[in-house]
N, C-alpha and C. Protein backbone atom coordinates (compact mmCIF):
# COMPACT_ATOMS: atom_id res chain seq x y z
N MET A 1 57.90 -42.12 -81.26
CA MET A 1 58.62 -41.35 -80.28
C MET A 1 57.74 -41.19 -79.05
N HIS A 2 58.34 -41.39 -77.95
CA HIS A 2 57.63 -41.34 -76.67
C HIS A 2 57.87 -39.99 -76.01
N THR A 3 56.83 -39.30 -75.64
CA THR A 3 56.98 -38.04 -74.93
C THR A 3 56.76 -38.28 -73.45
N PRO A 4 57.66 -37.76 -72.64
CA PRO A 4 57.51 -37.95 -71.20
C PRO A 4 56.27 -37.20 -70.70
N PRO A 5 55.63 -37.73 -69.67
CA PRO A 5 54.46 -37.02 -69.13
C PRO A 5 54.88 -35.65 -68.59
N GLU A 6 53.95 -34.73 -68.73
CA GLU A 6 54.24 -33.39 -68.22
C GLU A 6 54.42 -33.42 -66.72
N HIS A 7 55.39 -32.68 -66.29
CA HIS A 7 55.64 -32.59 -64.84
C HIS A 7 54.64 -31.62 -64.23
N GLN A 8 53.86 -32.13 -63.32
CA GLN A 8 52.89 -31.29 -62.64
C GLN A 8 53.54 -30.67 -61.41
N PRO A 9 53.49 -29.35 -61.31
CA PRO A 9 54.07 -28.74 -60.10
C PRO A 9 53.26 -29.15 -58.87
N GLU A 10 53.97 -29.27 -57.77
CA GLU A 10 53.29 -29.60 -56.53
C GLU A 10 52.41 -28.43 -56.11
N PRO A 11 51.26 -28.74 -55.56
CA PRO A 11 50.40 -27.63 -55.11
C PRO A 11 51.10 -26.83 -54.01
N ALA A 12 50.86 -25.56 -54.05
CA ALA A 12 51.48 -24.69 -53.03
C ALA A 12 50.93 -25.05 -51.67
N ARG A 13 51.81 -25.12 -50.74
CA ARG A 13 51.40 -25.40 -49.37
C ARG A 13 51.31 -24.10 -48.61
N SER A 14 50.27 -23.98 -47.85
CA SER A 14 50.15 -22.76 -47.05
C SER A 14 51.08 -22.89 -45.86
N PRO A 15 51.74 -21.79 -45.52
CA PRO A 15 52.67 -21.85 -44.39
C PRO A 15 51.93 -22.14 -43.09
N ALA A 16 52.66 -22.72 -42.18
CA ALA A 16 52.08 -23.00 -40.86
C ALA A 16 51.70 -21.68 -40.21
N PRO A 17 50.62 -21.66 -39.46
CA PRO A 17 50.24 -20.42 -38.78
C PRO A 17 51.35 -19.94 -37.87
N ASP A 18 51.58 -18.66 -37.88
CA ASP A 18 52.63 -18.05 -37.05
C ASP A 18 51.98 -17.51 -35.78
N PRO A 19 52.20 -18.17 -34.63
CA PRO A 19 51.56 -17.69 -33.41
C PRO A 19 51.99 -16.28 -33.03
N THR A 20 53.22 -15.91 -33.40
CA THR A 20 53.69 -14.55 -33.10
C THR A 20 52.88 -13.53 -33.89
N ALA A 21 52.63 -13.84 -35.16
CA ALA A 21 51.86 -12.92 -35.99
C ALA A 21 50.43 -12.80 -35.46
N ALA A 22 49.87 -13.91 -35.03
CA ALA A 22 48.51 -13.87 -34.48
C ALA A 22 48.46 -13.02 -33.23
N ALA A 23 49.44 -13.19 -32.36
CA ALA A 23 49.49 -12.40 -31.13
C ALA A 23 49.68 -10.92 -31.45
N THR A 24 50.52 -10.63 -32.43
CA THR A 24 50.74 -9.24 -32.83
C THR A 24 49.46 -8.64 -33.38
N GLY A 25 48.74 -9.42 -34.19
CA GLY A 25 47.46 -8.95 -34.73
C GLY A 25 46.44 -8.68 -33.64
N GLU A 26 46.40 -9.55 -32.64
CA GLU A 26 45.48 -9.35 -31.52
C GLU A 26 45.85 -8.10 -30.73
N LEU A 27 47.15 -7.92 -30.51
CA LEU A 27 47.62 -6.74 -29.77
C LEU A 27 47.31 -5.47 -30.56
N LEU A 28 47.56 -5.49 -31.87
CA LEU A 28 47.26 -4.33 -32.71
C LEU A 28 45.77 -4.00 -32.66
N ALA A 29 44.93 -5.02 -32.73
CA ALA A 29 43.48 -4.80 -32.68
C ALA A 29 43.06 -4.21 -31.33
N ALA A 30 43.65 -4.72 -30.26
CA ALA A 30 43.30 -4.23 -28.92
C ALA A 30 43.75 -2.78 -28.74
N VAL A 31 44.97 -2.48 -29.18
CA VAL A 31 45.48 -1.10 -29.08
C VAL A 31 44.62 -0.18 -29.94
N THR A 32 44.29 -0.62 -31.13
CA THR A 32 43.47 0.20 -32.04
C THR A 32 42.14 0.56 -31.38
N GLU A 33 41.50 -0.41 -30.75
CA GLU A 33 40.20 -0.15 -30.11
C GLU A 33 40.33 0.90 -29.01
N VAL A 34 41.36 0.80 -28.19
CA VAL A 34 41.54 1.77 -27.10
C VAL A 34 41.86 3.15 -27.66
N VAL A 35 42.72 3.20 -28.68
CA VAL A 35 43.06 4.49 -29.29
C VAL A 35 41.81 5.12 -29.89
N LEU A 36 41.04 4.35 -30.62
CA LEU A 36 39.82 4.89 -31.24
C LEU A 36 38.84 5.39 -30.19
N ARG A 37 38.76 4.69 -29.07
CA ARG A 37 37.87 5.11 -27.99
C ARG A 37 38.28 6.48 -27.44
N ASN A 38 39.55 6.80 -27.52
CA ASN A 38 40.06 8.06 -27.00
C ASN A 38 40.22 9.15 -28.06
N ALA A 39 39.96 8.80 -29.31
CA ALA A 39 40.18 9.74 -30.42
C ALA A 39 39.09 10.80 -30.46
N PRO A 40 39.49 12.07 -30.66
CA PRO A 40 38.49 13.12 -30.80
C PRO A 40 37.66 12.96 -32.07
N ASP A 41 38.26 12.41 -33.13
CA ASP A 41 37.55 12.18 -34.39
C ASP A 41 37.79 10.74 -34.81
N ARG A 42 36.99 9.85 -34.26
CA ARG A 42 37.14 8.41 -34.47
C ARG A 42 37.10 8.03 -35.95
N ALA A 43 36.14 8.58 -36.69
CA ALA A 43 35.97 8.23 -38.10
C ALA A 43 37.22 8.60 -38.91
N SER A 44 37.76 9.76 -38.67
CA SER A 44 38.95 10.20 -39.39
C SER A 44 40.13 9.28 -39.11
N LEU A 45 40.32 8.93 -37.86
CA LEU A 45 41.44 8.08 -37.48
C LEU A 45 41.24 6.66 -38.01
N MET A 46 40.02 6.15 -37.98
CA MET A 46 39.75 4.80 -38.50
C MET A 46 40.12 4.71 -39.98
N SER A 47 39.77 5.71 -40.73
CA SER A 47 40.06 5.66 -42.17
C SER A 47 41.53 5.90 -42.46
N ALA A 48 42.26 6.48 -41.53
CA ALA A 48 43.68 6.80 -41.75
C ALA A 48 44.58 5.58 -41.55
N GLY A 49 44.20 4.64 -40.70
CA GLY A 49 44.99 3.43 -40.53
C GLY A 49 45.95 3.46 -39.35
N ALA A 50 46.61 2.33 -39.13
CA ALA A 50 47.46 2.12 -37.95
C ALA A 50 48.72 2.97 -37.94
N ASP A 51 49.13 3.49 -39.10
CA ASP A 51 50.36 4.29 -39.16
C ASP A 51 50.09 5.79 -39.15
N ALA A 52 48.84 6.17 -39.02
CA ALA A 52 48.48 7.59 -39.02
C ALA A 52 49.08 8.29 -37.81
N PRO A 53 49.66 9.47 -38.01
CA PRO A 53 50.21 10.23 -36.89
C PRO A 53 49.11 10.69 -35.94
N LEU A 54 49.15 10.22 -34.72
CA LEU A 54 48.11 10.56 -33.74
C LEU A 54 48.00 12.07 -33.50
N PRO A 55 49.12 12.82 -33.44
CA PRO A 55 48.98 14.26 -33.22
C PRO A 55 48.17 14.95 -34.31
N GLU A 56 48.21 14.41 -35.53
CA GLU A 56 47.43 15.00 -36.63
C GLU A 56 45.94 14.67 -36.51
N HIS A 57 45.60 13.80 -35.56
CA HIS A 57 44.21 13.41 -35.36
C HIS A 57 43.72 13.82 -33.97
N GLY A 58 44.32 14.90 -33.45
CA GLY A 58 43.81 15.51 -32.23
C GLY A 58 44.42 15.02 -30.92
N PHE A 59 45.45 14.20 -30.97
CA PHE A 59 46.06 13.71 -29.73
C PHE A 59 47.13 14.70 -29.26
N ASP A 60 46.72 15.58 -28.34
CA ASP A 60 47.67 16.49 -27.70
C ASP A 60 48.25 15.77 -26.49
N SER A 61 49.10 16.44 -25.73
CA SER A 61 49.78 15.78 -24.61
C SER A 61 48.81 15.28 -23.54
N LEU A 62 47.76 16.03 -23.25
CA LEU A 62 46.80 15.59 -22.25
C LEU A 62 46.04 14.35 -22.71
N ARG A 63 45.64 14.34 -23.97
CA ARG A 63 44.92 13.19 -24.52
C ARG A 63 45.83 11.95 -24.55
N VAL A 64 47.12 12.15 -24.81
CA VAL A 64 48.07 11.03 -24.81
C VAL A 64 48.21 10.44 -23.41
N VAL A 65 48.24 11.29 -22.39
CA VAL A 65 48.32 10.79 -21.02
C VAL A 65 47.06 9.97 -20.69
N ARG A 66 45.91 10.47 -21.08
CA ARG A 66 44.67 9.71 -20.86
C ARG A 66 44.70 8.38 -21.61
N LEU A 67 45.23 8.40 -22.83
CA LEU A 67 45.36 7.19 -23.63
C LEU A 67 46.30 6.19 -22.94
N LEU A 68 47.40 6.67 -22.45
CA LEU A 68 48.36 5.81 -21.73
C LEU A 68 47.68 5.10 -20.57
N VAL A 69 46.96 5.84 -19.76
CA VAL A 69 46.27 5.27 -18.60
C VAL A 69 45.22 4.26 -19.07
N ASP A 70 44.45 4.62 -20.08
CA ASP A 70 43.41 3.73 -20.59
C ASP A 70 44.03 2.44 -21.14
N LEU A 71 45.11 2.54 -21.89
CA LEU A 71 45.78 1.35 -22.42
C LEU A 71 46.24 0.44 -21.29
N GLU A 72 46.87 1.02 -20.28
CA GLU A 72 47.37 0.21 -19.17
C GLU A 72 46.23 -0.46 -18.42
N GLU A 73 45.16 0.27 -18.17
CA GLU A 73 44.03 -0.30 -17.43
C GLU A 73 43.26 -1.34 -18.25
N THR A 74 43.00 -1.02 -19.50
CA THR A 74 42.20 -1.90 -20.35
C THR A 74 42.95 -3.18 -20.73
N LEU A 75 44.21 -3.03 -21.10
CA LEU A 75 44.98 -4.17 -21.59
C LEU A 75 45.75 -4.89 -20.49
N GLY A 76 45.80 -4.29 -19.30
CA GLY A 76 46.55 -4.92 -18.22
C GLY A 76 48.04 -4.95 -18.48
N VAL A 77 48.55 -3.89 -19.09
CA VAL A 77 49.97 -3.78 -19.41
C VAL A 77 50.56 -2.58 -18.68
N THR A 78 51.86 -2.52 -18.65
CA THR A 78 52.55 -1.36 -18.10
C THR A 78 53.62 -0.95 -19.11
N PHE A 79 53.60 0.31 -19.47
CA PHE A 79 54.61 0.82 -20.38
C PHE A 79 55.92 0.98 -19.62
N PRO A 80 57.02 0.53 -20.19
CA PRO A 80 58.32 0.80 -19.57
C PRO A 80 58.52 2.32 -19.49
N SER A 81 59.07 2.80 -18.39
CA SER A 81 59.19 4.25 -18.21
C SER A 81 59.99 4.91 -19.32
N ASP A 82 60.98 4.22 -19.86
CA ASP A 82 61.77 4.84 -20.93
C ASP A 82 61.03 4.84 -22.27
N ALA A 83 59.86 4.19 -22.31
CA ALA A 83 59.07 4.16 -23.54
C ALA A 83 57.95 5.19 -23.55
N VAL A 84 57.80 5.93 -22.50
CA VAL A 84 56.75 6.95 -22.44
C VAL A 84 57.31 8.21 -23.09
N THR A 85 57.26 8.19 -24.43
CA THR A 85 57.81 9.28 -25.24
C THR A 85 56.83 9.65 -26.35
N ALA A 86 57.07 10.79 -26.96
CA ALA A 86 56.25 11.20 -28.10
C ALA A 86 56.40 10.20 -29.24
N GLU A 87 57.58 9.64 -29.40
CA GLU A 87 57.83 8.66 -30.47
C GLU A 87 56.95 7.41 -30.28
N THR A 88 56.82 6.94 -29.06
CA THR A 88 55.98 5.77 -28.78
C THR A 88 54.53 6.03 -29.16
N PHE A 89 54.06 7.23 -28.89
CA PHE A 89 52.65 7.56 -29.11
C PHE A 89 52.42 8.30 -30.42
N ARG A 90 53.28 8.08 -31.40
CA ARG A 90 53.11 8.74 -32.70
C ARG A 90 52.04 8.08 -33.55
N SER A 91 51.79 6.75 -33.32
CA SER A 91 50.78 6.04 -34.11
C SER A 91 50.34 4.78 -33.35
N VAL A 92 49.26 4.20 -33.81
CA VAL A 92 48.77 2.96 -33.21
C VAL A 92 49.84 1.87 -33.37
N ARG A 93 50.45 1.79 -34.54
CA ARG A 93 51.47 0.76 -34.78
C ARG A 93 52.68 0.97 -33.88
N ALA A 94 53.09 2.22 -33.66
CA ALA A 94 54.23 2.48 -32.79
C ALA A 94 53.95 2.03 -31.36
N ILE A 95 52.74 2.31 -30.88
CA ILE A 95 52.35 1.87 -29.54
C ILE A 95 52.39 0.34 -29.46
N THR A 96 51.83 -0.31 -30.47
CA THR A 96 51.80 -1.77 -30.51
C THR A 96 53.21 -2.33 -30.53
N ASP A 97 54.09 -1.74 -31.33
CA ASP A 97 55.48 -2.22 -31.41
C ASP A 97 56.20 -2.12 -30.08
N VAL A 98 55.97 -1.02 -29.36
CA VAL A 98 56.61 -0.86 -28.04
C VAL A 98 56.08 -1.90 -27.07
N LEU A 99 54.77 -2.11 -27.07
CA LEU A 99 54.19 -3.11 -26.17
C LEU A 99 54.67 -4.51 -26.53
N LYS A 100 54.75 -4.80 -27.82
CA LYS A 100 55.23 -6.11 -28.26
C LYS A 100 56.68 -6.33 -27.83
N ALA A 101 57.51 -5.31 -28.01
CA ALA A 101 58.92 -5.41 -27.64
C ALA A 101 59.10 -5.60 -26.14
N SER A 102 58.16 -5.07 -25.36
CA SER A 102 58.26 -5.21 -23.91
C SER A 102 57.65 -6.53 -23.42
N GLY A 103 57.11 -7.32 -24.36
CA GLY A 103 56.53 -8.61 -24.00
C GLY A 103 55.10 -8.53 -23.55
N ALA A 104 54.45 -7.41 -23.77
CA ALA A 104 53.06 -7.25 -23.34
C ALA A 104 52.13 -7.99 -24.28
N ALA A 105 51.04 -8.43 -23.73
CA ALA A 105 49.96 -9.04 -24.52
C ALA A 105 48.67 -8.62 -23.84
N PRO A 106 47.63 -8.44 -24.61
CA PRO A 106 46.39 -8.01 -23.99
C PRO A 106 45.90 -9.03 -22.98
N ALA A 107 45.50 -8.56 -21.82
CA ALA A 107 45.02 -9.44 -20.76
C ALA A 107 43.66 -10.02 -21.13
N ALA A 108 42.86 -9.22 -21.81
CA ALA A 108 41.52 -9.65 -22.22
C ALA A 108 41.12 -8.78 -23.39
N PRO A 109 40.17 -9.22 -24.18
CA PRO A 109 39.72 -8.36 -25.27
C PRO A 109 39.18 -7.05 -24.72
N PRO A 110 39.47 -5.93 -25.42
CA PRO A 110 38.97 -4.65 -24.93
C PRO A 110 37.45 -4.61 -24.93
N ALA A 111 36.92 -3.89 -23.97
CA ALA A 111 35.46 -3.72 -23.90
C ALA A 111 35.02 -2.85 -25.04
N GLY A 112 33.99 -3.23 -25.73
CA GLY A 112 33.53 -2.51 -26.92
C GLY A 112 32.68 -1.41 -26.55
């Protein structure tokens, strides 16, 4: 009796790099750096992650205005006027999502 050779599964292929994901990652990293630079407690916010509520980490309205200006100057972006809301500045990820939706991309890596 002849047994057929075992069928070897094809090796998994890694998906092609997604340029959109790379750009989003770069934007998230750039926004994170600027937010951390403006954070009253950098260590606490760093350990909390991109979805941490900024108001819970010391971002009051005055600090948010300073953050907005710093983001625009550092990243070379402009926030749409209808996006300058508490919801936009609730977390690093929310800021990144608004900038991504508006077509913004960091002009240059943030200064360390």
